[in-house]
Every structure is written in structure tokens, then in C-alpha cells.
Amino acid sequence: MSKTTVWVMPIGPLTVHPQFVKDIGRRSIDWYINDITIPKDVNDALQLLYEQCGNHFYMVTKYMNQTMGNMMYNHIHRMHWHGIICQVKDSFVIKAYVGAKNRIYASIGLELFDDNFRVCKRIRVVSMLNMDNCETIISFMNNI
């Protein structure tokens, strides 16, 4: 399991997933924790997550990045569409709720292309990760 450590003032060293550190500043849309926008600055983001997440801190940094989007893309490619798939620009939404809910929700718009590079469908894929038991549910809606 890949991990990295980031020193966050005034908390100290935090073990986080390295993909979170890469993705937090380069995203083009907002991410949310308990309906609070997560800052793009890695230190501010980690401080907020640490304060909000408690014992789910590492799990949130592990899944609150491109991991959820990749899981949804791979599911559609493996189970439903073997052709070309592209993300609809700025369609990735991710929100985490810790406390009573302990869930991470994500959705993404995807375009499915045929062999002639024509769009056959646009779909919205939705996923939910239950942090208590690490169970993931992925579903999709046709023709968004």
C-alpha cells in the first residue's frame, strides 16, 4: 500500500495517500467534505480533512481523488462498453460525509464511442463507497 507523509501545521506529520497530494491542487471542480468545499492547497485541505474525518482520514485521502473516477471508468469498460470511453469535461463530482454516514459519493459523465469515433451514448456513472465496510456500489444512467 502506497503512503506518503505531509507535515501540516499545527497538526504535525500526517500519513496520506500520494494520489491525493497530486490531485488536490490540479482539479478543475470543487470537492466536498460534509458539504464544506475542500481547499486546493494541500496543507489546508489535509488540515480540514483531519479535523472532519477522525479515524477515516486516510481512507478519505485514498478515495477522494481520481481513484473513484478510475473505478467507475474501469467498471464501465470491463462490464458494459469495450470501445473508446472519454470523460465529459468537468463532470467529475465527489463528496464525502463522515460521522453518521461514513460514505464517499462520486459521479462522472462519460461518452461512449464506436469504432468510427462517433458518440454512441453519454452516460452518468454514480458510485458510493461505504467507509465502514469498504463496500463500493457502482451504477449508471443512460443518455445524460
C-alpha atoms as a PDB file:
ATOM      1  CA  MET A   1       0.000   0.000   0.000  1.00  0.00           C
ATOM      2  CA  SER A   2       1.452   3.323  -1.082  1.00  0.00           C
ATOM      3  CA  LYS A   3       1.590   6.100   1.503  1.00  0.00           C
ATOM      4  CA  THR A   4       3.314   9.441   1.914  1.00  0.00           C
ATOM      5  CA  THR A   5       3.762  11.791   4.860  1.00  0.00           C
ATOM      6  CA  VAL A   6       2.945  15.501   4.760  1.00  0.00           C
ATOM      7  CA  TRP A   7       3.753  17.893   7.607  1.00  0.00           C
ATOM      8  CA  VAL A   8       0.676  20.013   8.349  1.00  0.00           C
ATOM      9  CA  MET A   9       0.937  22.923  10.768  1.00  0.00           C
ATOM     10  CA  PRO A  10      -0.231  22.880  13.574  1.00  0.00           C
ATOM     11  CA  ILE A  11      -1.075  19.159  13.467  1.00  0.00           C
ATOM     12  CA  GLY A  12       2.268  17.613  12.536  1.00  0.00           C
ATOM     13  CA  PRO A  13       3.038  14.713  10.185  1.00  0.00           C
ATOM     14  CA  LEU A  14       0.032  13.065   8.506  1.00  0.00           C
ATOM     15  CA  THR A  15       0.131   9.838   6.524  1.00  0.00           C
ATOM     16  CA  VAL A  16      -1.854  10.315   3.321  1.00  0.00           C
ATOM     17  CA  HIS A  17      -2.359   8.600   0.007  1.00  0.00           C
ATOM     18  CA  PRO A  18       0.120  10.099  -2.518  1.00  0.00           C
ATOM     19  CA  GLN A  19      -2.502  10.426  -5.275  1.00  0.00           C
ATOM     20  CA  PHE A  20      -4.485  12.819  -3.088  1.00  0.00           C
ATOM     21  CA  VAL A  21      -1.446  15.088  -2.786  1.00  0.00           C
ATOM     22  CA  LYS A  22      -1.096  15.096  -6.596  1.00  0.00           C
ATOM     23  CA  ASP A  23      -4.792  15.617  -7.377  1.00  0.00           C
ATOM     24  CA  ILE A  24      -5.907  18.149  -4.764  1.00  0.00           C
ATOM     25  CA  GLY A  25      -4.404  21.226  -6.418  1.00  0.00           C
ATOM     26  CA  ARG A  26      -4.909  20.335 -10.055  1.00  0.00           C
ATOM     27  CA  ARG A  27      -8.621  19.578 -10.020  1.00  0.00           C
ATOM     28  CA  SER A  28     -10.916  21.844 -12.025  1.00  0.00           C
ATOM     29  CA  ILE A  29     -14.047  21.396  -9.897  1.00  0.00           C
ATOM     30  CA  ASP A  30     -14.733  21.555  -6.162  1.00  0.00           C
ATOM     31  CA  TRP A  31     -14.643  18.545  -3.869  1.00  0.00           C
ATOM     32  CA  TYR A  32     -16.613  18.456  -0.611  1.00  0.00           C
ATOM     33  CA  ILE A  33     -16.369  17.017   2.872  1.00  0.00           C
ATOM     34  CA  ASN A  34     -19.584  17.298   4.923  1.00  0.00           C
ATOM     35  CA  ASP A  35     -20.777  19.965   2.436  1.00  0.00           C
ATOM     36  CA  ILE A  36     -17.636  22.071   3.032  1.00  0.00           C
ATOM     37  CA  THR A  37     -15.530  22.854  -0.043  1.00  0.00           C
ATOM     38  CA  ILE A  38     -12.097  21.267   0.269  1.00  0.00           C
ATOM     39  CA  PRO A  39      -9.355  23.846  -0.424  1.00  0.00           C
ATOM     40  CA  LYS A  40      -6.945  23.284  -3.318  1.00  0.00           C
ATOM     41  CA  ASP A  41      -3.927  23.936  -1.100  1.00  0.00           C
ATOM     42  CA  VAL A  42      -2.697  20.553   0.105  1.00  0.00           C
ATOM     43  CA  ASN A  43      -1.921  21.685   3.666  1.00  0.00           C
ATOM     44  CA  ASP A  44      -5.251  23.477   4.120  1.00  0.00           C
ATOM     45  CA  ALA A  45      -7.088  20.506   2.603  1.00  0.00           C
ATOM     46  CA  LEU A  46      -5.356  17.982   4.848  1.00  0.00           C
ATOM     47  CA  GLN A  47      -5.993  20.072   7.955  1.00  0.00           C
ATOM     48  CA  LEU A  48      -9.712  20.260   7.101  1.00  0.00           C
ATOM     49  CA  LEU A  49      -9.907  16.529   6.376  1.00  0.00           C
ATOM     50  CA  TYR A  50      -8.024  15.642   9.551  1.00  0.00           C
ATOM     51  CA  GLU A  51     -10.426  17.761  11.614  1.00  0.00           C
ATOM     52  CA  GLN A  52     -13.536  16.364   9.884  1.00  0.00           C
ATOM     53  CA  CYS A  53     -12.653  12.700   9.389  1.00  0.00           C
ATOM     54  CA  GLY A  54     -11.139  11.338  12.554  1.00  0.00           C
ATOM     55  CA  ASN A  55     -10.269   7.655  12.087  1.00  0.00           C
ATOM     56  CA  HIS A  56     -11.416   7.742   8.430  1.00  0.00           C
ATOM     57  CA  PHE A  57      -8.767  10.306   7.491  1.00  0.00           C
ATOM     58  CA  TYR A  58      -6.501   8.004   5.463  1.00  0.00           C
ATOM     59  CA  MET A  59      -9.400   6.277   3.703  1.00  0.00           C
ATOM     60  CA  VAL A  60     -10.789   9.643   2.595  1.00  0.00           C
ATOM     61  CA  THR A  61      -7.398  10.664   1.162  1.00  0.00           C
ATOM     62  CA  LYS A  62      -7.165   7.279  -0.566  1.00  0.00           C
ATOM     63  CA  TYR A  63     -10.517   7.528  -2.352  1.00  0.00           C
ATOM     64  CA  MET A  64     -11.112  11.269  -2.577  1.00  0.00           C
ATOM     65  CA  ASN A  65      -9.048  11.729  -5.726  1.00  0.00           C
ATOM     66  CA  GLN A  66      -9.040  10.214  -9.196  1.00  0.00           C
ATOM     67  CA  THR A  67      -9.357   6.717  -7.669  1.00  0.00           C
ATOM     68  CA  MET A  68     -13.173   6.882  -7.591  1.00  0.00           C
ATOM     69  CA  GLY A  69     -13.303   8.158 -11.195  1.00  0.00           C
ATOM     70  CA  ASN A  70     -10.941   5.407 -12.329  1.00  0.00           C
ATOM     71  CA  MET A  71     -13.043   2.768 -10.568  1.00  0.00           C
ATOM     72  CA  MET A  72     -16.175   3.936 -12.385  1.00  0.00           C
ATOM     73  CA  TYR A  73     -14.393   4.170 -15.756  1.00  0.00           C
ATOM     74  CA  ASN A  74     -12.887   0.678 -15.336  1.00  0.00           C
ATOM     75  CA  HIS A  75     -16.241  -0.796 -14.329  1.00  0.00           C
ATOM     76  CA  ILE A  76     -17.970   0.562 -17.439  1.00  0.00           C
ATOM     77  CA  HIS A  77     -15.098  -0.520 -19.684  1.00  0.00           C
ATOM     78  CA  ARG A  78     -14.866  -4.003 -18.194  1.00  0.00           C
ATOM     79  CA  MET A  79     -18.585  -4.749 -17.844  1.00  0.00           C
ATOM     80  CA  HIS A  80     -20.529  -2.635 -20.343  1.00  0.00           C
ATOM     81  CA  TRP A  81     -18.505  -0.998 -23.136  1.00  0.00           C
ATOM     82  CA  HIS A  82     -15.325  -2.312 -24.742  1.00  0.00           C
ATOM     83  CA  GLY A  83     -14.842   0.599 -27.141  1.00  0.00           C
ATOM     84  CA  ILE A  84     -13.455   4.065 -26.564  1.00  0.00           C
ATOM     85  CA  ILE A  85     -14.598   5.944 -23.466  1.00  0.00           C
ATOM     86  CA  CYS A  86     -13.888   9.594 -22.641  1.00  0.00           C
ATOM     87  CA  GLN A  87     -14.827  11.699 -19.641  1.00  0.00           C
ATOM     88  CA  VAL A  88     -17.179  14.608 -20.221  1.00  0.00           C
ATOM     89  CA  LYS A  89     -15.137  17.687 -19.272  1.00  0.00           C
ATOM     90  CA  ASP A  90     -15.618  18.902 -15.691  1.00  0.00           C
ATOM     91  CA  SER A  91     -18.245  16.240 -14.957  1.00  0.00           C
ATOM     92  CA  PHE A  92     -16.473  14.541 -12.026  1.00  0.00           C
ATOM     93  CA  VAL A  93     -18.217  15.286  -8.719  1.00  0.00           C
ATOM     94  CA  ILE A  94     -17.026  13.881  -5.394  1.00  0.00           C
ATOM     95  CA  LYS A  95     -18.412  14.401  -1.894  1.00  0.00           C
ATOM     96  CA  ALA A  96     -17.584  12.695   1.380  1.00  0.00           C
ATOM     97  CA  TYR A  97     -19.661  12.544   4.517  1.00  0.00           C
ATOM     98  CA  VAL A  98     -18.091  11.315   7.733  1.00  0.00           C
ATOM     99  CA  GLY A  99     -19.731  10.762  11.074  1.00  0.00           C
ATOM    100  CA  ALA A 100     -23.143   9.127  10.878  1.00  0.00           C
ATOM    101  CA  LYS A 101     -22.966   8.455   7.120  1.00  0.00           C
ATOM    102  CA  ASN A 102     -19.301   7.472   6.504  1.00  0.00           C
ATOM    103  CA  ARG A 103     -19.742   7.498   2.738  1.00  0.00           C
ATOM    104  CA  ILE A 104     -17.929   8.873  -0.283  1.00  0.00           C
ATOM    105  CA  TYR A 105     -20.150   9.630  -3.266  1.00  0.00           C
ATOM    106  CA  ALA A 106     -18.869  10.279  -6.783  1.00  0.00           C
ATOM    107  CA  SER A 107     -20.339  10.713 -10.229  1.00  0.00           C
ATOM    108  CA  ILE A 108     -18.847  11.224 -13.666  1.00  0.00           C
ATOM    109  CA  GLY A 109     -20.177  11.770 -17.164  1.00  0.00           C
ATOM    110  CA  LEU A 110     -18.729   9.519 -19.860  1.00  0.00           C
ATOM    111  CA  GLU A 111     -19.049   9.481 -23.638  1.00  0.00           C
ATOM    112  CA  LEU A 112     -19.013   6.068 -25.317  1.00  0.00           C
ATOM    113  CA  PHE A 113     -17.635   5.987 -28.868  1.00  0.00           C
ATOM    114  CA  ASP A 114     -17.942   3.417 -31.642  1.00  0.00           C
ATOM    115  CA  ASP A 115     -15.045   2.241 -33.836  1.00  0.00           C
ATOM    116  CA  ASN A 116     -15.552   5.240 -36.145  1.00  0.00           C
ATOM    117  CA  PHE A 117     -15.122   7.681 -33.231  1.00  0.00           C
ATOM    118  CA  ARG A 118     -18.792   8.674 -33.195  1.00  0.00           C
ATOM    119  CA  VAL A 119     -20.503   9.212 -29.865  1.00  0.00           C
ATOM    120  CA  CYS A 120     -22.957   6.375 -29.289  1.00  0.00           C
ATOM    121  CA  LYS A 121     -24.071   7.312 -25.781  1.00  0.00           C
ATOM    122  CA  ARG A 122     -23.456   9.728 -22.982  1.00  0.00           C
ATOM    123  CA  ILE A 123     -23.888   8.185 -19.560  1.00  0.00           C
ATOM    124  CA  ARG A 124     -23.601   9.285 -15.949  1.00  0.00           C
ATOM    125  CA  VAL A 125     -21.892   6.813 -13.632  1.00  0.00           C
ATOM    126  CA  VAL A 126     -22.503   7.053  -9.889  1.00  0.00           C
ATOM    127  CA  SER A 127     -20.637   5.291  -7.115  1.00  0.00           C
ATOM    128  CA  MET A 128     -20.754   5.129  -3.356  1.00  0.00           C
ATOM    129  CA  LEU A 129     -18.049   3.827  -1.031  1.00  0.00           C
ATOM    130  CA  ASN A 130     -19.110   2.752   2.452  1.00  0.00           C
ATOM    131  CA  MET A 131     -16.088   3.547   4.661  1.00  0.00           C
ATOM    132  CA  ASP A 132     -17.304   1.264   7.448  1.00  0.00           C
ATOM    133  CA  ASN A 133     -17.054  -1.941   5.406  1.00  0.00           C
ATOM    134  CA  CYS A 134     -15.160  -0.795   2.241  1.00  0.00           C
ATOM    135  CA  GLU A 135     -18.110  -1.834   0.069  1.00  0.00           C
ATOM    136  CA  THR A 136     -18.491   0.001  -3.245  1.00  0.00           C
ATOM    137  CA  ILE A 137     -21.657   0.276  -5.332  1.00  0.00           C
ATOM    138  CA  ILE A 138     -21.443   1.499  -8.938  1.00  0.00           C
ATOM    139  CA  SER A 139     -24.413   2.201 -11.199  1.00  0.00           C
ATOM    140  CA  PHE A 140     -25.017   4.205 -14.356  1.00  0.00           C
ATOM    141  CA  MET A 141     -27.757   6.057 -16.186  1.00  0.00           C
ATOM    142  CA  ASN A 142     -28.052   6.045 -19.970  1.00  0.00           C
ATOM    143  CA  ASN A 143     -28.300   9.125 -22.135  1.00  0.00           C
ATOM    144  CA  ILE A 144     -27.451  12.033 -19.876  1.00  0.00           C
END
